[in-house]
């Protein structure tokens, strides 16, 4: 592969990785606590559930770009860059299509339970449980797959940068 095309693919790959990292930090550590504090739990949870669908759709598309760029950069060979991109893509897809839908259903059920019990909870409670006790395991599973995605993308970016002359 020649110079300019290689540079464009590398930049596209790393920009997509940076976007997913930035979006994840914003979504989980900036936007969520701020909205929870401003809106209160009752208004925050339904909004966060809808925003989660948008976040994971966007993350999946972006990690897909990482995978395509990685495959093109590697000449469609199994390398550290393609394996880490594939791991990130797999974790994101599992989250989007398997774990998240179940977590949202359980969250809707838990939210109804919490409203009936008239409980209030803090942002730290939401991080631990999600919408409520019956959603806690699935909420934590979403977080585990996000951590896998981010770790794989970090390893991927490190490998891509290490390939540079």
C-alpha atoms as a PDB file:
ATOM      1  CA  UNK A   1       0.000   0.000   0.000  1.00  0.00           C
ATOM      2  CA  UNK A   2       1.346   3.408  -0.919  1.00  0.00           C
ATOM      3  CA  UNK A   3       2.103   6.459   1.242  1.00  0.00           C
ATOM      4  CA  UNK A   4      -0.899   8.800   0.935  1.00  0.00           C
ATOM      5  CA  UNK A   5      -3.517   6.038   1.036  1.00  0.00           C
ATOM      6  CA  UNK A   6      -1.775   4.430   4.009  1.00  0.00           C
ATOM      7  CA  UNK A   7      -1.688   7.774   5.811  1.00  0.00           C
ATOM      8  CA  UNK A   8      -5.380   8.411   5.154  1.00  0.00           C
ATOM      9  CA  UNK A   9      -6.387   4.940   6.406  1.00  0.00           C
ATOM     10  CA  UNK A  10      -4.215   5.291   9.492  1.00  0.00           C
ATOM     11  CA  UNK A  11      -5.689   8.714  10.261  1.00  0.00           C
ATOM     12  CA  UNK A  12      -9.230   7.432   9.708  1.00  0.00           C
ATOM     13  CA  UNK A  13      -8.563   4.449  11.959  1.00  0.00           C
ATOM     14  CA  UNK A  14      -7.109   6.536  14.788  1.00  0.00           C
ATOM     15  CA  UNK A  15      -9.783   9.235  14.462  1.00  0.00           C
ATOM     16  CA  UNK A  16     -12.514   6.604  14.801  1.00  0.00           C
ATOM     17  CA  UNK A  17     -10.776   5.173  17.882  1.00  0.00           C
ATOM     18  CA  UNK A  18     -10.454   8.664  19.377  1.00  0.00           C
ATOM     19  CA  UNK A  19     -14.113   9.374  18.633  1.00  0.00           C
ATOM     20  CA  UNK A  20     -15.287   6.213  20.432  1.00  0.00           C
ATOM     21  CA  UNK A  21     -13.048   7.000  23.414  1.00  0.00           C
ATOM     22  CA  UNK A  22     -14.241  10.591  23.574  1.00  0.00           C
ATOM     23  CA  UNK A  23     -17.881   9.633  23.157  1.00  0.00           C
ATOM     24  CA  UNK A  24     -17.556   6.984  25.880  1.00  0.00           C
ATOM     25  CA  UNK A  25     -15.978   9.408  28.325  1.00  0.00           C
ATOM     26  CA  UNK A  26     -18.630  11.997  27.540  1.00  0.00           C
ATOM     27  CA  UNK A  27     -21.521   9.534  27.731  1.00  0.00           C
ATOM     28  CA  UNK A  28     -20.531   7.739  30.937  1.00  0.00           C
ATOM     29  CA  UNK A  29     -18.553  10.293  32.944  1.00  0.00           C
ATOM     30  CA  UNK A  30     -19.768  13.750  31.898  1.00  0.00           C
ATOM     31  CA  UNK A  31     -23.267  13.659  30.445  1.00  0.00           C
ATOM     32  CA  UNK A  32     -24.783  10.941  32.651  1.00  0.00           C
ATOM     33  CA  UNK A  33     -23.882  12.396  36.071  1.00  0.00           C
ATOM     34  CA  UNK A  34     -24.782  15.918  34.924  1.00  0.00           C
ATOM     35  CA  UNK A  35     -28.179  14.850  33.587  1.00  0.00           C
ATOM     36  CA  UNK A  36     -28.890  12.714  36.637  1.00  0.00           C
ATOM     37  CA  UNK A  37     -28.174  15.663  38.914  1.00  0.00           C
ATOM     38  CA  UNK A  38     -30.158  18.149  36.832  1.00  0.00           C
ATOM     39  CA  UNK A  39     -33.177  16.011  35.900  1.00  0.00           C
ATOM     40  CA  UNK A  40     -33.474  13.679  38.844  1.00  0.00           C
ATOM     41  CA  UNK A  41     -33.690   9.923  38.573  1.00  0.00           C
ATOM     42  CA  UNK A  42     -37.291   9.724  37.367  1.00  0.00           C
ATOM     43  CA  UNK A  43     -36.665  11.891  34.306  1.00  0.00           C
ATOM     44  CA  UNK A  44     -33.061  10.800  33.746  1.00  0.00           C
ATOM     45  CA  UNK A  45     -33.544   7.037  33.437  1.00  0.00           C
ATOM     46  CA  UNK A  46     -35.950   7.054  30.447  1.00  0.00           C
ATOM     47  CA  UNK A  47     -33.783   9.618  28.648  1.00  0.00           C
ATOM     48  CA  UNK A  48     -30.606   7.660  29.386  1.00  0.00           C
ATOM     49  CA  UNK A  49     -32.223   4.487  28.064  1.00  0.00           C
ATOM     50  CA  UNK A  50     -32.958   6.196  24.731  1.00  0.00           C
ATOM     51  CA  UNK A  51     -29.516   7.794  24.629  1.00  0.00           C
ATOM     52  CA  UNK A  52     -27.926   4.378  25.235  1.00  0.00           C
ATOM     53  CA  UNK A  53     -29.439   3.099  21.992  1.00  0.00           C
ATOM     54  CA  UNK A  54     -27.976   6.081  20.142  1.00  0.00           C
ATOM     55  CA  UNK A  55     -24.582   5.721  21.840  1.00  0.00           C
ATOM     56  CA  UNK A  56     -24.213   2.030  21.012  1.00  0.00           C
ATOM     57  CA  UNK A  57     -25.400   2.496  17.421  1.00  0.00           C
ATOM     58  CA  UNK A  58     -22.823   5.231  16.932  1.00  0.00           C
ATOM     59  CA  UNK A  59     -20.103   3.242  18.704  1.00  0.00           C
ATOM     60  CA  UNK A  60     -20.813   0.190  16.548  1.00  0.00           C
ATOM     61  CA  UNK A  61     -20.583   2.222  13.331  1.00  0.00           C
ATOM     62  CA  UNK A  62     -17.354   3.870  14.483  1.00  0.00           C
ATOM     63  CA  UNK A  63     -15.740   0.613  15.577  1.00  0.00           C
ATOM     64  CA  UNK A  64     -16.844  -0.813  12.218  1.00  0.00           C
ATOM     65  CA  UNK A  65     -14.799   1.950  10.555  1.00  0.00           C
ATOM     66  CA  UNK A  66     -11.848   0.938  12.743  1.00  0.00           C
ATOM     67  CA  UNK A  67     -12.258  -2.683  11.622  1.00  0.00           C
ATOM     68  CA  UNK A  68     -12.473  -1.842   7.903  1.00  0.00           C
ATOM     69  CA  UNK A  69      -9.481   0.497   8.086  1.00  0.00           C
ATOM     70  CA  UNK A  70      -7.534  -2.103  10.044  1.00  0.00           C
ATOM     71  CA  UNK A  71      -8.286  -4.808   7.518  1.00  0.00           C
ATOM     72  CA  UNK A  72      -7.227  -2.565   4.662  1.00  0.00           C
ATOM     73  CA  UNK A  73      -4.036  -1.521   6.478  1.00  0.00           C
ATOM     74  CA  UNK A  74      -3.095  -5.131   7.217  1.00  0.00           C
ATOM     75  CA  UNK A  75      -3.752  -6.388   3.699  1.00  0.00           C
ATOM     76  CA  UNK A  76      -6.617  -8.494   5.104  1.00  0.00           C
ATOM     77  CA  UNK A  77      -4.245 -10.510   7.297  1.00  0.00           C
ATOM     78  CA  UNK A  78      -4.608 -11.444  10.939  1.00  0.00           C
ATOM     79  CA  UNK A  79      -2.401  -9.009  12.809  1.00  0.00           C
ATOM     80  CA  UNK A  80      -2.494  -7.423  16.223  1.00  0.00           C
ATOM     81  CA  UNK A  81      -4.397  -4.495  14.719  1.00  0.00           C
ATOM     82  CA  UNK A  82      -7.083  -6.643  13.097  1.00  0.00           C
ATOM     83  CA  UNK A  83      -7.465  -8.917  16.118  1.00  0.00           C
ATOM     84  CA  UNK A  84      -7.866  -5.998  18.535  1.00  0.00           C
ATOM     85  CA  UNK A  85     -10.251  -4.227  16.164  1.00  0.00           C
ATOM     86  CA  UNK A  86     -12.241  -7.456  15.833  1.00  0.00           C
ATOM     87  CA  UNK A  87     -12.398  -7.865  19.601  1.00  0.00           C
ATOM     88  CA  UNK A  88     -13.641  -4.285  19.981  1.00  0.00           C
ATOM     89  CA  UNK A  89     -16.204  -4.818  17.220  1.00  0.00           C
ATOM     90  CA  UNK A  90     -17.379  -8.077  18.770  1.00  0.00           C
ATOM     91  CA  UNK A  91     -17.765  -6.553  22.240  1.00  0.00           C
ATOM     92  CA  UNK A  92     -19.666  -3.586  20.809  1.00  0.00           C
ATOM     93  CA  UNK A  93     -21.953  -5.772  18.689  1.00  0.00           C
ATOM     94  CA  UNK A  94     -22.702  -8.119  21.594  1.00  0.00           C
ATOM     95  CA  UNK A  95     -23.569  -5.099  23.714  1.00  0.00           C
ATOM     96  CA  UNK A  96     -25.752  -3.476  21.052  1.00  0.00           C
ATOM     97  CA  UNK A  97     -27.650  -6.544  19.888  1.00  0.00           C
ATOM     98  CA  UNK A  98     -27.723  -8.861  22.905  1.00  0.00           C
ATOM     99  CA  UNK A  99     -26.949  -7.279  26.267  1.00  0.00           C
ATOM    100  CA  UNK A 100     -28.348  -3.758  25.812  1.00  0.00           C
ATOM    101  CA  UNK A 101     -31.843  -4.814  24.645  1.00  0.00           C
ATOM    102  CA  UNK A 102     -32.141  -7.147  27.628  1.00  0.00           C
ATOM    103  CA  UNK A 103     -30.779  -4.501  29.991  1.00  0.00           C
ATOM    104  CA  UNK A 104     -33.279  -1.960  28.673  1.00  0.00           C
ATOM    105  CA  UNK A 105     -36.183  -4.382  29.145  1.00  0.00           C
ATOM    106  CA  UNK A 106     -35.030  -5.188  32.679  1.00  0.00           C
ATOM    107  CA  UNK A 107     -34.464  -1.485  33.325  1.00  0.00           C
ATOM    108  CA  UNK A 108     -38.011  -0.678  32.262  1.00  0.00           C
ATOM    109  CA  UNK A 109     -39.312  -3.337  34.627  1.00  0.00           C
ATOM    110  CA  UNK A 110     -37.044  -2.129  37.472  1.00  0.00           C
ATOM    111  CA  UNK A 111     -38.034   1.454  36.848  1.00  0.00           C
ATOM    112  CA  UNK A 112     -41.667   0.496  37.382  1.00  0.00           C
ATOM    113  CA  UNK A 113     -40.739  -1.319  40.586  1.00  0.00           C
ATOM    114  CA  UNK A 114     -38.754   1.669  41.846  1.00  0.00           C
ATOM    115  CA  UNK A 115     -41.574   4.101  41.028  1.00  0.00           C
ATOM    116  CA  UNK A 116     -44.057   1.942  42.908  1.00  0.00           C
ATOM    117  CA  UNK A 117     -41.700   1.772  45.882  1.00  0.00           C
ATOM    118  CA  UNK A 118     -41.148   5.549  45.595  1.00  0.00           C
ATOM    119  CA  UNK A 119     -37.397   5.136  46.081  1.00  0.00           C
ATOM    120  CA  UNK A 120     -34.832   7.753  45.243  1.00  0.00           C
ATOM    121  CA  UNK A 121     -31.274   6.933  44.328  1.00  0.00           C
ATOM    122  CA  UNK A 122     -28.014   8.657  43.680  1.00  0.00           C
ATOM    123  CA  UNK A 123     -25.787   8.612  40.601  1.00  0.00           C
ATOM    124  CA  UNK A 124     -23.568   6.025  42.312  1.00  0.00           C
ATOM    125  CA  UNK A 125     -26.625   3.799  42.836  1.00  0.00           C
ATOM    126  CA  UNK A 126     -27.395   4.107  39.125  1.00  0.00           C
ATOM    127  CA  UNK A 127     -23.831   3.129  38.213  1.00  0.00           C
ATOM    128  CA  UNK A 128     -24.103   0.018  40.388  1.00  0.00           C
ATOM    129  CA  UNK A 129     -27.669  -1.040  39.623  1.00  0.00           C
ATOM    130  CA  UNK A 130     -28.858   0.677  36.487  1.00  0.00           C
ATOM    131  CA  UNK A 131     -32.565   1.389  36.650  1.00  0.00           C
ATOM    132  CA  UNK A 132     -33.076  -0.940  39.603  1.00  0.00           C
ATOM    133  CA  UNK A 133     -32.184  -4.211  41.331  1.00  0.00           C
ATOM    134  CA  UNK A 134     -33.583  -6.520  38.654  1.00  0.00           C
ATOM    135  CA  UNK A 135     -31.462  -4.738  36.025  1.00  0.00           C
ATOM    136  CA  UNK A 136     -28.237  -4.664  38.056  1.00  0.00           C
ATOM    137  CA  UNK A 137     -26.548  -7.733  36.539  1.00  0.00           C
ATOM    138  CA  UNK A 138     -27.362  -6.714  32.973  1.00  0.00           C
ATOM    139  CA  UNK A 139     -26.297  -3.120  33.642  1.00  0.00           C
ATOM    140  CA  UNK A 140     -22.956  -4.362  34.946  1.00  0.00           C
ATOM    141  CA  UNK A 141     -22.637  -6.654  31.930  1.00  0.00           C
ATOM    142  CA  UNK A 142     -23.069  -3.647  29.623  1.00  0.00           C
ATOM    143  CA  UNK A 143     -20.277  -1.918  31.534  1.00  0.00           C
ATOM    144  CA  UNK A 144     -17.997  -4.979  31.243  1.00  0.00           C
ATOM    145  CA  UNK A 145     -18.459  -5.095  27.460  1.00  0.00           C
ATOM    146  CA  UNK A 146     -17.785  -1.345  27.230  1.00  0.00           C
ATOM    147  CA  UNK A 147     -14.564  -1.929  29.191  1.00  0.00           C
ATOM    148  CA  UNK A 148     -13.590  -4.747  26.798  1.00  0.00           C
ATOM    149  CA  UNK A 149     -14.330  -2.490  23.818  1.00  0.00           C
ATOM    150  CA  UNK A 150     -12.220   0.341  25.223  1.00  0.00           C
ATOM    151  CA  UNK A 151      -9.328  -1.929  26.238  1.00  0.00           C
ATOM    152  CA  UNK A 152      -9.285  -3.523  22.786  1.00  0.00           C
ATOM    153  CA  UNK A 153      -9.357  -0.094  21.134  1.00  0.00           C
ATOM    154  CA  UNK A 154      -6.502   1.100  23.335  1.00  0.00           C
ATOM    155  CA  UNK A 155      -4.424  -1.958  22.367  1.00  0.00           C
ATOM    156  CA  UNK A 156      -5.438  -1.393  18.744  1.00  0.00           C
ATOM    157  CA  UNK A 157      -4.385   2.266  18.738  1.00  0.00           C
ATOM    158  CA  UNK A 158      -1.093   1.331  20.381  1.00  0.00           C
ATOM    159  CA  UNK A 159      -0.433  -1.265  17.666  1.00  0.00           C
ATOM    160  CA  UNK A 160      -1.360   1.144  14.854  1.00  0.00           C
ATOM    161  CA  UNK A 161       0.904   3.840  16.280  1.00  0.00           C
ATOM    162  CA  UNK A 162       3.665   1.258  16.732  1.00  0.00           C
ATOM    163  CA  UNK A 163       3.465   0.408  13.011  1.00  0.00           C
ATOM    164  CA  UNK A 164       4.381   3.967  12.030  1.00  0.00           C
ATOM    165  CA  UNK A 165       7.935   4.508  10.775  1.00  0.00           C
END
